Every structure is written in structure tokens, then in C-alpha cells.
Amino acid sequence: MLKKFIHLLFLPCSEATLLMEKQNAETISKKENRRLALHLKICKWCRAYQQKLKILDDILKRKCSHKKENEINPSDIQEFKHEVAKKLDL
């Protein structure tokens, strides 16, 4: 009961997840950072979400650093369109 009250009084989970996203983008204020830290101390679900968010962010950063591997050729697009059309029987 006390945790639910603290959740609602200080920072709901929906706002906490938004602040975590802002924190990853490094656009969080000191006040928001304190509120988030307090919320994370009492909410195990948001702590788990933050850990998963960090893992996904690291994966995306690694993937984006290999731009040459991620480039899409026009021939790949045409091949993809052809495969989709074939599966739709067009």
C-alpha cells in the first residue's frame, strides 16, 4: 500500500520510463534525475525496464556504428518487393 502511494505521489511508472528515455538521450535535468533515482529505488519493474533499455541501446549503437554493413542497395529493395509480390500472388 505504501509503495503504491509513493508511486503516485512522486513519479508514476509512465513518467519514469519517459525519463529513462530522456536520460539515454542525455537531455534530463538534475531535478528529473533525482525523481527518477527515487522512483527506481522503490520500483523493481522500472529497474528491470532500465536494464533492458541499456542493453537495447548498446545493441543499437553497435549496429549503427557499422554503417557500411547496414546500407541497403536498390537491388535489395527490388528483390524484397519481388518476394513480397510473389507471396501475395500478384
C-alpha atoms as a PDB file:
ATOM      1  CA  MET A   1       0.000   0.000   0.000  1.00  0.00           C
ATOM      2  CA  LEU A   2       2.784   2.400   0.926  1.00  0.00           C
ATOM      3  CA  LYS A   3       4.664   1.702  -2.308  1.00  0.00           C
ATOM      4  CA  LYS A   4       1.554   2.424  -4.381  1.00  0.00           C
ATOM      5  CA  PHE A   5       1.092   5.724  -2.561  1.00  0.00           C
ATOM      6  CA  ILE A   6       4.738   6.673  -3.069  1.00  0.00           C
ATOM      7  CA  HIS A   7       4.454   5.691  -6.756  1.00  0.00           C
ATOM      8  CA  LEU A   8       1.539   8.030  -7.287  1.00  0.00           C
ATOM      9  CA  LEU A   9       2.887  10.820  -5.112  1.00  0.00           C
ATOM     10  CA  PHE A  10       6.407  11.061  -6.503  1.00  0.00           C
ATOM     11  CA  LEU A  11       6.505   9.668 -10.022  1.00  0.00           C
ATOM     12  CA  PRO A  12       4.274   7.199 -11.868  1.00  0.00           C
ATOM     13  CA  CYS A  13       5.880   4.445 -13.944  1.00  0.00           C
ATOM     14  CA  SER A  14       4.715   6.026 -17.203  1.00  0.00           C
ATOM     15  CA  GLU A  15       6.704   9.174 -16.436  1.00  0.00           C
ATOM     16  CA  ALA A  16       9.664   7.171 -15.154  1.00  0.00           C
ATOM     17  CA  THR A  17      10.004   5.291 -18.442  1.00  0.00           C
ATOM     18  CA  LEU A  18       9.857   8.580 -20.331  1.00  0.00           C
ATOM     19  CA  LEU A  19      12.618   9.991 -18.122  1.00  0.00           C
ATOM     20  CA  MET A  20      14.725   6.890 -18.777  1.00  0.00           C
ATOM     21  CA  GLU A  21      14.440   7.515 -22.497  1.00  0.00           C
ATOM     22  CA  LYS A  22      15.390  11.160 -21.980  1.00  0.00           C
ATOM     23  CA  GLN A  23      18.316  10.053 -19.832  1.00  0.00           C
ATOM     24  CA  ASN A  24      19.599   7.877 -22.679  1.00  0.00           C
ATOM     25  CA  ALA A  25      19.411  10.917 -24.949  1.00  0.00           C
ATOM     26  CA  GLU A  26      21.259  12.925 -22.255  1.00  0.00           C
ATOM     27  CA  THR A  27      18.552  15.592 -22.018  1.00  0.00           C
ATOM     28  CA  ILE A  28      17.484  15.081 -18.423  1.00  0.00           C
ATOM     29  CA  SER A  29      17.616  17.813 -15.774  1.00  0.00           C
ATOM     30  CA  LYS A  30      19.016  17.346 -12.272  1.00  0.00           C
ATOM     31  CA  LYS A  31      15.531  17.500 -10.764  1.00  0.00           C
ATOM     32  CA  GLU A  32      14.237  14.853 -13.159  1.00  0.00           C
ATOM     33  CA  ASN A  33      17.291  12.712 -12.464  1.00  0.00           C
ATOM     34  CA  ARG A  34      16.620  12.853  -8.692  1.00  0.00           C
ATOM     35  CA  ARG A  35      12.947  11.972  -9.186  1.00  0.00           C
ATOM     36  CA  LEU A  36      13.892   9.063 -11.429  1.00  0.00           C
ATOM     37  CA  ALA A  37      16.502   7.779  -8.970  1.00  0.00           C
ATOM     38  CA  LEU A  38      13.928   7.852  -6.155  1.00  0.00           C
ATOM     39  CA  HIS A  39      11.402   6.016  -8.299  1.00  0.00           C
ATOM     40  CA  LEU A  40      13.945   3.372  -9.299  1.00  0.00           C
ATOM     41  CA  LYS A  41      14.706   2.688  -5.634  1.00  0.00           C
ATOM     42  CA  ILE A  42      11.119   1.633  -4.980  1.00  0.00           C
ATOM     43  CA  CYS A  43      10.034   0.137  -8.324  1.00  0.00           C
ATOM     44  CA  LYS A  44      11.542  -3.203  -9.352  1.00  0.00           C
ATOM     45  CA  TRP A  45       9.656  -3.173 -12.673  1.00  0.00           C
ATOM     46  CA  CYS A  46      11.192   0.097 -13.777  1.00  0.00           C
ATOM     47  CA  ARG A  47      14.648  -1.072 -12.689  1.00  0.00           C
ATOM     48  CA  ALA A  48      14.201  -4.127 -14.925  1.00  0.00           C
ATOM     49  CA  TYR A  49      12.989  -1.890 -17.762  1.00  0.00           C
ATOM     50  CA  GLN A  50      16.042   0.348 -17.346  1.00  0.00           C
ATOM     51  CA  GLN A  51      18.399  -2.628 -17.599  1.00  0.00           C
ATOM     52  CA  LYS A  52      16.697  -3.858 -20.771  1.00  0.00           C
ATOM     53  CA  LEU A  53      16.762  -0.338 -22.177  1.00  0.00           C
ATOM     54  CA  LYS A  54      20.519  -0.130 -21.662  1.00  0.00           C
ATOM     55  CA  ILE A  55      21.057  -3.478 -23.373  1.00  0.00           C
ATOM     56  CA  LEU A  56      18.934  -2.473 -26.375  1.00  0.00           C
ATOM     57  CA  ASP A  57      20.649   0.904 -26.593  1.00  0.00           C
ATOM     58  CA  ASP A  58      24.085  -0.759 -26.632  1.00  0.00           C
ATOM     59  CA  ILE A  59      22.977  -3.154 -29.379  1.00  0.00           C
ATOM     60  CA  LEU A  60      21.592  -0.310 -31.492  1.00  0.00           C
ATOM     61  CA  LYS A  61      24.745   1.762 -31.042  1.00  0.00           C
ATOM     62  CA  ARG A  62      26.881  -1.168 -32.191  1.00  0.00           C
ATOM     63  CA  LYS A  63      24.653  -1.806 -35.200  1.00  0.00           C
ATOM     64  CA  CYS A  64      24.645   1.852 -36.222  1.00  0.00           C
ATOM     65  CA  SER A  65      28.418   2.065 -35.972  1.00  0.00           C
ATOM     66  CA  HIS A  66      28.684  -0.461 -38.821  1.00  0.00           C
ATOM     67  CA  LYS A  67      27.025   1.745 -41.428  1.00  0.00           C
ATOM     68  CA  LYS A  68      28.571   0.007 -44.420  1.00  0.00           C
ATOM     69  CA  GLU A  69      27.069  -3.285 -43.345  1.00  0.00           C
ATOM     70  CA  ASN A  70      23.663  -1.669 -42.816  1.00  0.00           C
ATOM     71  CA  GLU A  71      23.420   0.125 -46.161  1.00  0.00           C
ATOM     72  CA  ILE A  72      20.569  -1.014 -48.379  1.00  0.00           C
ATOM     73  CA  ASN A  73      21.184  -1.410 -52.084  1.00  0.00           C
ATOM     74  CA  PRO A  74      18.444  -0.632 -54.623  1.00  0.00           C
ATOM     75  CA  SER A  75      18.749  -4.181 -55.918  1.00  0.00           C
ATOM     76  CA  ASP A  76      17.960  -5.483 -52.417  1.00  0.00           C
ATOM     77  CA  ILE A  77      14.804  -3.353 -52.349  1.00  0.00           C
ATOM     78  CA  GLN A  78      13.679  -4.666 -55.735  1.00  0.00           C
ATOM     79  CA  GLU A  79      14.351  -8.231 -54.650  1.00  0.00           C
ATOM     80  CA  PHE A  80      12.343  -7.673 -51.466  1.00  0.00           C
ATOM     81  CA  LYS A  81       9.417  -6.223 -53.462  1.00  0.00           C
ATOM     82  CA  HIS A  82       9.540  -9.180 -55.822  1.00  0.00           C
ATOM     83  CA  GLU A  83       9.469 -11.673 -52.929  1.00  0.00           C
ATOM     84  CA  VAL A  84       6.527  -9.887 -51.269  1.00  0.00           C
ATOM     85  CA  ALA A  85       4.602  -9.758 -54.543  1.00  0.00           C
ATOM     86  CA  LYS A  86       5.315 -13.435 -55.111  1.00  0.00           C
ATOM     87  CA  LYS A  87       3.989 -14.327 -51.648  1.00  0.00           C
ATOM     88  CA  LEU A  88       0.871 -12.220 -52.276  1.00  0.00           C
ATOM     89  CA  ASP A  89       0.417 -13.836 -55.701  1.00  0.00           C
ATOM     90  CA  LEU A  90       0.414 -10.550 -57.581  1.00  0.00           C
END
